[in-house]
Amino acid sequence: MQLNRRALLPLLASTFLFPASAIFAAPADKVRFTLDWRIEGPAAPFLLARDKGYFAEEGLDVSIDVGTGSAGAVTRVASGAYDIGFADFNALIEYEAKTPGSRVQGVYMVYNTTPAAVISLKKTAINRPADLAGKTLAAPIFDAGRKGWPAFAKSNQLAPNAVTWQTVEPALRETLLARGDVDAITGFSFTSVLNLESRGVKPDEIRVMPYATHGVEAYGNTLIASSALIRDKPKVVAGFVRAFNRALKETLANPEAAVTHVKRQDPLINEALELRRLKLALAACVVTPETRSAGLGAVNPERMRRAIEETSTAYGLSSTPAAEVLYTSAFLPPKPVRMIK
C-alpha cells in the first residue's frame, strides 16, 4: 500500500516533533539522600514524594537510603557521600563545633521540637522531674536525650549528676525498663513508647516527660544539605525542599495514605504500628504553636540562638556555632504554601 504526500505530512510531523521534546529535555539531577534511621513511619513524606513523582516534577532523581543515626547522617552529608540528609539539628551543632567549616546547613526544620523524652513506668511513681533524683536511667551513650540531659536538668532545678546512667544498646533500652531493671530511660518518645508496648507494657502504664514541654528549647530533625550542593546547585536544594514540603502537608492531611508508602518500601513492617509512630511524631514535633504561626520548616531566630547555646552547654562543646552557619531559610517555599491549619 502506498501513502500519498498529504497522508505522510501528519505522520512525519509527529515523528519529528515528539523525539525533539525528549532529546532536548534536561536530564534529572541525581540526589543522594540519607535518612537518620531505618524505614519507619516518620519516613513517609520522603517516600511519598518519591513515589508520587513530586521529586521528579522538580527535575530530581532521588535515591533514599536508611541511616544509622543522626551523627552518621551529618557525617555522610559533610563528607560528600550524600547530598541531602535528615538529621537531628543538635547533631549538626555538635559536628560543626568539633569540625568547624563543614558548611553543612539545615534548610528545612521538620521537627519543630525535639522528640527527646524521659520515659518511665507508672509503678516507679516518677510523676515530675524532681522524682528523677537518685534514679537510674538507661540510654545509649549517643542518645539525644542523654546528651541533652543537662539542659533538661537545668530547666527543672535538678543537678546534672542527680541521676545514674546505665549505658545500653538501643535494642535493649526498653527491655530493661519493661523488666524493671532501671527506673527510666531517655529516647525519642514516639519510638520508646511503641517499643515498650511491643514488649507487653500497657499504654496506661507508661509515663512520658517530653523535653519540649519541660523547658528545653532544642529543635529536632532538619533537612540538611552539603556545602557543595548549596553552592553549586541551589535550585536542586530548593526543588527538594518544595517537593518535601508538598509531601509533608499531604502526610499531615492523610497519614493513613502516607504510611502505605512505608509499607511499599518495606513489606515486612507492621503498617498499623508505623501509622501510630507517624501520628505520634507529627503531633509531638511537627504541628506546634510555632509552625501554626510561622509555617512548616521555619525557625524562630531568637529561639534558635538560645537553643544552640543550650545544646552547646549541655553537650560540653568548646565553642558555640553561629545560627547563620547552621541554618538558612533561603530555600524555604513561600509562607502561604507552608501554612497548616
Protein backbone atom coordinates (compact mmCIF):
# COMPACT_ATOMS: atom_id res chain seq x y z
CA MET A 1 0.00 0.00 0.00
CA GLN A 2 1.28 3.48 -0.86
CA LEU A 3 0.71 6.62 1.19
CA ASN A 4 0.19 9.89 -0.61
CA ARG A 5 2.03 13.04 0.33
CA ARG A 6 -0.94 14.52 2.19
CA ALA A 7 -1.21 11.43 4.39
CA LEU A 8 2.51 11.44 5.12
CA LEU A 9 2.68 15.01 6.44
CA PRO A 10 0.95 14.41 9.81
CA LEU A 11 2.96 11.22 10.29
CA LEU A 12 6.25 12.97 9.62
CA ALA A 13 5.31 15.84 11.90
CA SER A 14 4.54 13.52 14.80
CA THR A 15 7.70 11.53 14.15
CA PHE A 16 9.99 14.55 14.34
CA LEU A 17 8.23 16.69 16.92
CA PHE A 18 7.87 14.10 19.69
CA PRO A 19 11.51 12.99 19.80
CA ALA A 20 12.58 16.62 19.86
CA SER A 21 10.97 17.14 23.26
CA ALA A 22 12.69 14.05 24.61
CA ILE A 23 16.04 14.91 23.05
CA PHE A 24 16.16 18.42 24.46
CA ALA A 25 14.63 17.67 27.88
CA ALA A 26 17.14 18.38 30.66
CA PRO A 27 18.33 15.22 32.43
CA ALA A 28 17.18 14.84 36.03
CA ASP A 29 19.64 15.85 38.73
CA LYS A 30 20.60 12.84 40.83
CA VAL A 31 20.28 13.45 44.56
CA ARG A 32 21.66 11.03 47.14
CA PHE A 33 19.52 11.28 50.28
CA THR A 34 20.08 9.60 53.65
CA LEU A 35 17.58 9.10 56.42
CA ASP A 36 18.66 9.26 60.05
CA TRP A 37 17.37 5.77 60.83
CA ARG A 38 15.69 2.77 59.28
CA ILE A 39 12.42 2.77 57.34
CA GLU A 40 9.69 3.66 59.83
CA GLY A 41 6.51 5.72 59.87
CA PRO A 42 8.22 9.14 60.05
CA ALA A 43 9.97 8.39 56.74
CA ALA A 44 6.58 8.54 54.99
CA PRO A 45 6.86 12.07 53.49
CA PHE A 46 10.16 11.26 51.78
CA LEU A 47 8.87 8.03 50.28
CA LEU A 48 5.59 9.67 49.27
CA ALA A 49 7.44 12.50 47.49
CA ARG A 50 9.45 9.95 45.54
CA ASP A 51 6.62 7.52 44.75
CA LYS A 52 4.13 10.18 43.66
CA GLY A 53 6.65 11.94 41.44
CA TYR A 54 6.98 15.17 43.43
CA PHE A 55 10.77 14.99 43.29
CA ALA A 56 10.61 14.10 39.59
CA GLU A 57 8.42 17.14 38.89
CA GLU A 58 11.27 19.25 40.29
CA GLY A 59 13.71 17.59 37.90
CA LEU A 60 15.23 15.38 40.60
CA ASP A 61 16.12 11.70 40.63
CA VAL A 62 16.27 10.99 44.37
CA SER A 63 17.67 7.81 45.91
CA ILE A 64 16.71 7.18 49.56
CA ASP A 65 18.96 5.20 51.90
CA VAL A 66 18.47 4.18 55.53
CA GLY A 67 20.68 5.66 58.22
CA THR A 68 22.47 4.60 61.38
CA GLY A 69 21.73 7.67 63.49
CA SER A 70 21.79 11.43 63.15
CA ALA A 71 25.52 11.75 63.74
CA GLY A 72 26.11 9.35 60.88
CA ALA A 73 23.72 11.25 58.62
CA VAL A 74 25.56 14.52 59.27
CA THR A 75 28.90 12.86 58.57
CA ARG A 76 27.60 11.34 55.34
CA VAL A 77 26.49 14.73 54.06
CA ALA A 78 29.59 16.56 55.30
CA SER A 79 31.87 14.05 53.57
CA GLY A 80 30.06 14.44 50.26
CA ALA A 81 28.89 10.82 50.20
CA TYR A 82 25.32 12.15 50.29
CA ASP A 83 23.84 15.42 49.08
CA ILE A 84 20.92 15.86 51.47
CA GLY A 85 20.04 14.19 54.75
CA PHE A 86 17.56 14.05 57.61
CA ALA A 87 19.22 14.51 60.99
CA ASP A 88 18.81 15.87 64.49
CA PHE A 89 19.74 19.56 64.42
CA ASN A 90 21.63 19.06 67.68
CA ALA A 91 23.90 16.54 65.97
CA LEU A 92 24.68 19.23 63.40
CA ILE A 93 25.51 21.70 66.18
CA GLU A 94 27.93 19.18 67.69
CA TYR A 95 29.53 18.35 64.34
CA GLU A 96 30.12 21.99 63.44
CA ALA A 97 31.56 22.77 66.87
CA LYS A 98 34.02 19.88 66.57
CA THR A 99 34.66 20.24 62.83
CA PRO A 100 34.39 23.97 62.05
CA GLY A 101 33.87 25.00 58.46
CA SER A 102 31.89 21.97 57.29
CA ARG A 103 29.24 24.34 55.91
CA VAL A 104 26.55 21.68 56.17
CA GLN A 105 23.36 23.61 56.80
CA GLY A 106 19.83 22.92 57.87
CA VAL A 107 17.45 24.05 55.14
CA TYR A 108 14.02 22.99 56.46
CA MET A 109 13.25 22.31 60.13
CA VAL A 110 10.99 19.26 60.02
CA TYR A 111 10.71 18.64 63.78
CA ASN A 112 9.97 21.97 65.41
CA THR A 113 10.65 20.42 68.82
CA THR A 114 12.99 17.70 69.99
CA PRO A 115 11.39 14.24 70.34
CA ALA A 116 13.67 13.52 73.32
CA ALA A 117 11.86 12.49 76.48
CA VAL A 118 12.22 10.71 79.80
CA ILE A 119 10.06 7.59 79.80
CA SER A 120 9.16 5.62 82.92
CA LEU A 121 6.50 3.22 84.16
CA LYS A 122 3.61 4.13 86.43
CA LYS A 123 4.81 1.78 89.17
CA THR A 124 8.01 3.78 89.69
CA ALA A 125 5.98 6.87 90.69
CA ILE A 126 8.05 9.26 88.59
CA ASN A 127 5.41 11.91 88.02
CA ARG A 128 7.53 15.06 87.82
CA PRO A 129 11.18 15.89 87.10
CA ALA A 130 12.04 16.15 90.81
CA ASP A 131 11.10 12.48 91.21
CA LEU A 132 14.06 11.53 88.99
CA ALA A 133 16.63 12.47 91.64
CA GLY A 134 18.57 9.39 92.72
CA LYS A 135 17.12 7.21 89.97
CA THR A 136 18.91 5.07 87.37
CA LEU A 137 18.30 5.89 83.70
CA ALA A 138 19.30 3.77 80.72
CA ALA A 139 20.21 5.01 77.25
CA PRO A 140 22.86 4.57 74.57
CA ILE A 141 25.83 6.88 75.02
CA PHE A 142 24.87 8.76 71.83
CA ASP A 143 21.18 9.16 72.67
CA ALA A 144 19.94 12.74 72.17
CA GLY A 145 18.01 12.68 75.43
CA ARG A 146 21.02 11.51 77.39
CA LYS A 147 23.34 14.05 75.79
CA GLY A 148 20.77 16.77 76.36
CA TRP A 149 20.07 15.75 79.94
CA PRO A 150 22.00 18.71 81.44
CA ALA A 151 19.59 21.08 79.65
CA PHE A 152 16.56 19.17 80.99
CA ALA A 153 18.09 19.11 84.46
CA LYS A 154 18.85 22.84 84.43
CA SER A 155 15.33 23.71 83.28
CA ASN A 156 13.85 21.64 86.10
CA GLN A 157 16.15 22.59 89.01
CA LEU A 158 17.98 19.27 89.05
CA ALA A 159 21.72 18.77 89.37
CA PRO A 160 23.31 17.26 86.24
CA ASN A 161 24.52 14.35 88.39
CA ALA A 162 21.13 13.81 90.04
CA VAL A 163 20.71 10.52 88.17
CA THR A 164 22.89 7.49 87.46
CA TRP A 165 23.30 6.47 83.83
CA GLN A 166 23.45 2.91 82.57
CA THR A 167 24.79 2.60 79.03
CA VAL A 168 22.88 0.15 76.83
CA GLU A 169 22.47 -0.77 73.19
CA PRO A 170 19.37 0.75 71.55
CA ALA A 171 17.70 -2.66 71.19
CA LEU A 172 17.92 -3.30 74.95
CA ARG A 173 16.83 0.09 76.29
CA GLU A 174 13.08 -0.51 76.50
CA THR A 175 13.61 -4.14 77.55
CA LEU A 176 15.46 -3.04 80.68
CA LEU A 177 12.67 -0.65 81.60
CA ALA A 178 9.94 -3.20 80.94
CA ARG A 179 11.74 -5.71 83.19
CA GLY A 180 12.18 -3.15 85.94
CA ASP A 181 15.98 -3.24 85.76
CA VAL A 182 16.14 0.57 85.55
CA ASP A 183 13.86 3.35 86.77
CA ALA A 184 13.56 5.25 83.49
CA ILE A 185 15.05 5.71 80.04
CA THR A 186 15.60 8.55 77.61
CA GLY A 187 14.76 8.29 73.93
CA PHE A 188 12.56 9.64 71.17
CA SER A 189 9.06 9.48 72.63
CA PHE A 190 7.37 8.02 69.55
CA THR A 191 9.96 5.25 69.37
CA SER A 192 10.26 4.25 73.02
CA VAL A 193 6.53 4.24 73.75
CA LEU A 194 5.79 1.85 70.90
CA ASN A 195 8.80 -0.30 71.74
CA LEU A 196 7.53 -0.66 75.29
CA GLU A 197 4.07 -1.65 74.09
CA SER A 198 5.61 -4.28 71.83
CA ARG A 199 7.27 -5.71 74.94
CA GLY A 200 3.94 -6.15 76.67
CA VAL A 201 3.68 -2.89 78.59
CA LYS A 202 0.16 -1.46 78.60
CA PRO A 203 -0.21 2.13 77.33
CA ASP A 204 -1.72 3.37 80.61
CA GLU A 205 1.36 2.12 82.47
CA ILE A 206 3.74 4.37 80.50
CA ARG A 207 4.71 7.85 81.68
CA VAL A 208 6.36 10.32 79.29
CA MET A 209 8.06 13.61 80.14
CA PRO A 210 8.89 15.33 76.83
CA TYR A 211 11.88 17.63 76.96
CA ALA A 212 9.96 20.13 74.82
CA THR A 213 7.23 20.59 77.44
CA HIS A 214 9.71 20.74 80.31
CA GLY A 215 11.69 23.83 79.40
CA VAL A 216 14.09 22.54 76.73
CA GLU A 217 14.11 24.77 73.63
CA ALA A 218 16.06 22.49 71.32
CA TYR A 219 14.84 21.93 67.79
CA GLY A 220 14.58 18.41 66.39
CA ASN A 221 15.28 16.89 63.00
CA THR A 222 16.01 19.04 59.97
CA LEU A 223 16.76 18.58 56.31
CA ILE A 224 20.49 19.20 55.86
CA ALA A 225 22.33 19.92 52.62
CA SER A 226 26.00 19.72 51.72
CA SER A 227 28.02 22.85 51.12
CA ALA A 228 28.76 21.74 47.55
CA LEU A 229 25.09 21.31 46.71
CA ILE A 230 24.14 24.65 48.25
CA ARG A 231 26.96 26.40 46.41
CA ASP A 232 26.79 24.69 43.03
CA LYS A 233 23.15 23.61 42.68
CA PRO A 234 20.92 25.82 44.80
CA LYS A 235 17.96 25.10 42.51
CA VAL A 236 18.27 21.41 43.39
CA VAL A 237 18.08 22.23 47.10
CA ALA A 238 15.06 24.47 46.55
CA GLY A 239 13.36 21.83 44.42
CA PHE A 240 13.93 19.11 47.00
CA VAL A 241 12.53 21.32 49.75
CA ARG A 242 9.47 22.24 47.68
CA ALA A 243 8.72 18.60 46.93
CA PHE A 244 9.20 17.57 50.55
CA ASN A 245 7.02 20.40 51.86
CA ARG A 246 4.28 19.29 49.48
CA ALA A 247 4.60 15.70 50.67
CA LEU A 248 4.69 16.66 54.35
CA LYS A 249 1.46 18.65 54.03
CA GLU A 250 -0.13 15.69 52.28
CA THR A 251 1.10 13.40 55.06
CA LEU A 252 -0.44 15.67 57.68
CA ALA A 253 -3.73 15.67 55.81
CA ASN A 254 -3.85 11.91 55.32
CA PRO A 255 -1.31 9.91 57.36
CA GLU A 256 -3.17 6.67 56.61
CA ALA A 257 -2.47 7.07 52.90
CA ALA A 258 1.08 8.30 53.51
CA VAL A 259 2.11 5.27 55.56
CA THR A 260 1.24 2.95 52.66
CA HIS A 261 4.42 4.23 51.00
CA VAL A 262 6.40 2.98 54.01
CA LYS A 263 4.77 -0.42 53.60
CA ARG A 264 5.60 -0.37 49.88
CA GLN A 265 9.25 0.30 50.70
CA ASP A 266 9.43 -2.39 53.39
CA PRO A 267 6.66 -5.02 53.10
CA LEU A 268 7.73 -6.59 56.41
CA ILE A 269 6.75 -3.63 58.60
CA ASN A 270 3.64 -3.58 60.77
CA GLU A 271 1.63 -0.90 58.97
CA ALA A 272 -0.70 -0.19 61.89
CA LEU A 273 2.27 0.23 64.24
CA GLU A 274 4.09 2.55 61.86
CA LEU A 275 0.94 4.61 61.35
CA ARG A 276 0.82 5.18 65.12
CA ARG A 277 4.51 6.09 65.13
CA LEU A 278 3.95 8.56 62.30
CA LYS A 279 0.95 10.16 64.00
CA LEU A 280 2.84 10.46 67.30
CA ALA A 281 5.78 12.14 65.56
CA LEU A 282 3.55 14.58 63.69
CA ALA A 283 1.58 15.51 66.81
CA ALA A 284 4.60 15.88 69.07
CA CYS A 285 7.14 17.50 66.79
CA VAL A 286 5.66 18.86 63.56
CA VAL A 287 2.36 20.52 64.49
CA THR A 288 3.26 23.09 67.16
CA PRO A 289 2.20 26.65 68.01
CA GLU A 290 5.33 27.87 66.22
CA THR A 291 4.62 26.01 62.98
CA ARG A 292 0.99 27.10 63.07
CA SER A 293 2.23 30.69 63.21
CA ALA A 294 5.36 30.67 61.05
CA GLY A 295 4.63 27.71 58.79
CA LEU A 296 6.36 24.37 58.33
CA GLY A 297 10.14 24.34 58.04
CA ALA A 298 10.77 27.76 59.56
CA VAL A 299 12.56 28.65 62.79
CA ASN A 300 12.34 31.48 65.27
CA PRO A 301 15.73 33.27 65.14
CA GLU A 302 15.79 34.20 68.83
CA ARG A 303 14.75 30.74 69.94
CA MET A 304 17.32 29.19 67.62
CA ARG A 305 20.13 31.21 69.17
CA ARG A 306 19.02 30.15 72.64
CA ALA A 307 18.64 26.54 71.54
CA ILE A 308 22.15 26.43 70.05
CA GLU A 309 23.60 27.88 73.25
CA GLU A 310 21.57 25.42 75.31
CA THR A 311 22.78 22.40 73.33
CA SER A 312 26.39 23.61 73.22
CA THR A 313 26.41 23.93 77.01
CA ALA A 314 24.62 20.61 77.60
CA TYR A 315 26.97 18.74 75.27
CA GLY A 316 30.04 20.39 76.79
CA LEU A 317 31.18 21.78 73.43
CA SER A 318 34.24 24.02 73.33
CA SER A 319 32.56 26.52 71.00
CA THR A 320 29.06 27.64 70.07
CA PRO A 321 28.43 27.78 66.31
CA ALA A 322 26.57 30.79 64.94
CA ALA A 323 22.96 30.28 63.92
CA GLU A 324 23.56 31.54 60.38
CA VAL A 325 26.29 28.93 59.92
CA LEU A 326 23.96 26.09 60.90
CA TYR A 327 20.69 27.05 59.26
CA THR A 328 19.42 29.03 56.27
CA SER A 329 15.85 29.92 55.36
CA ALA A 330 16.87 30.79 51.79
CA PHE A 331 15.36 27.63 50.34
CA LEU A 332 12.00 27.69 52.10
CA PRO A 333 8.93 27.89 49.86
CA PRO A 334 6.72 30.98 50.35
CA LYS A 335 4.96 31.06 53.71
CA PRO A 336 1.43 30.55 52.30
CA VAL A 337 2.34 27.09 50.95
CA ARG A 338 3.94 26.13 54.28
CA MET A 339 0.99 27.06 56.47
CA ILE A 340 -1.05 24.41 58.27
CA LYS A 341 -4.44 24.58 59.90
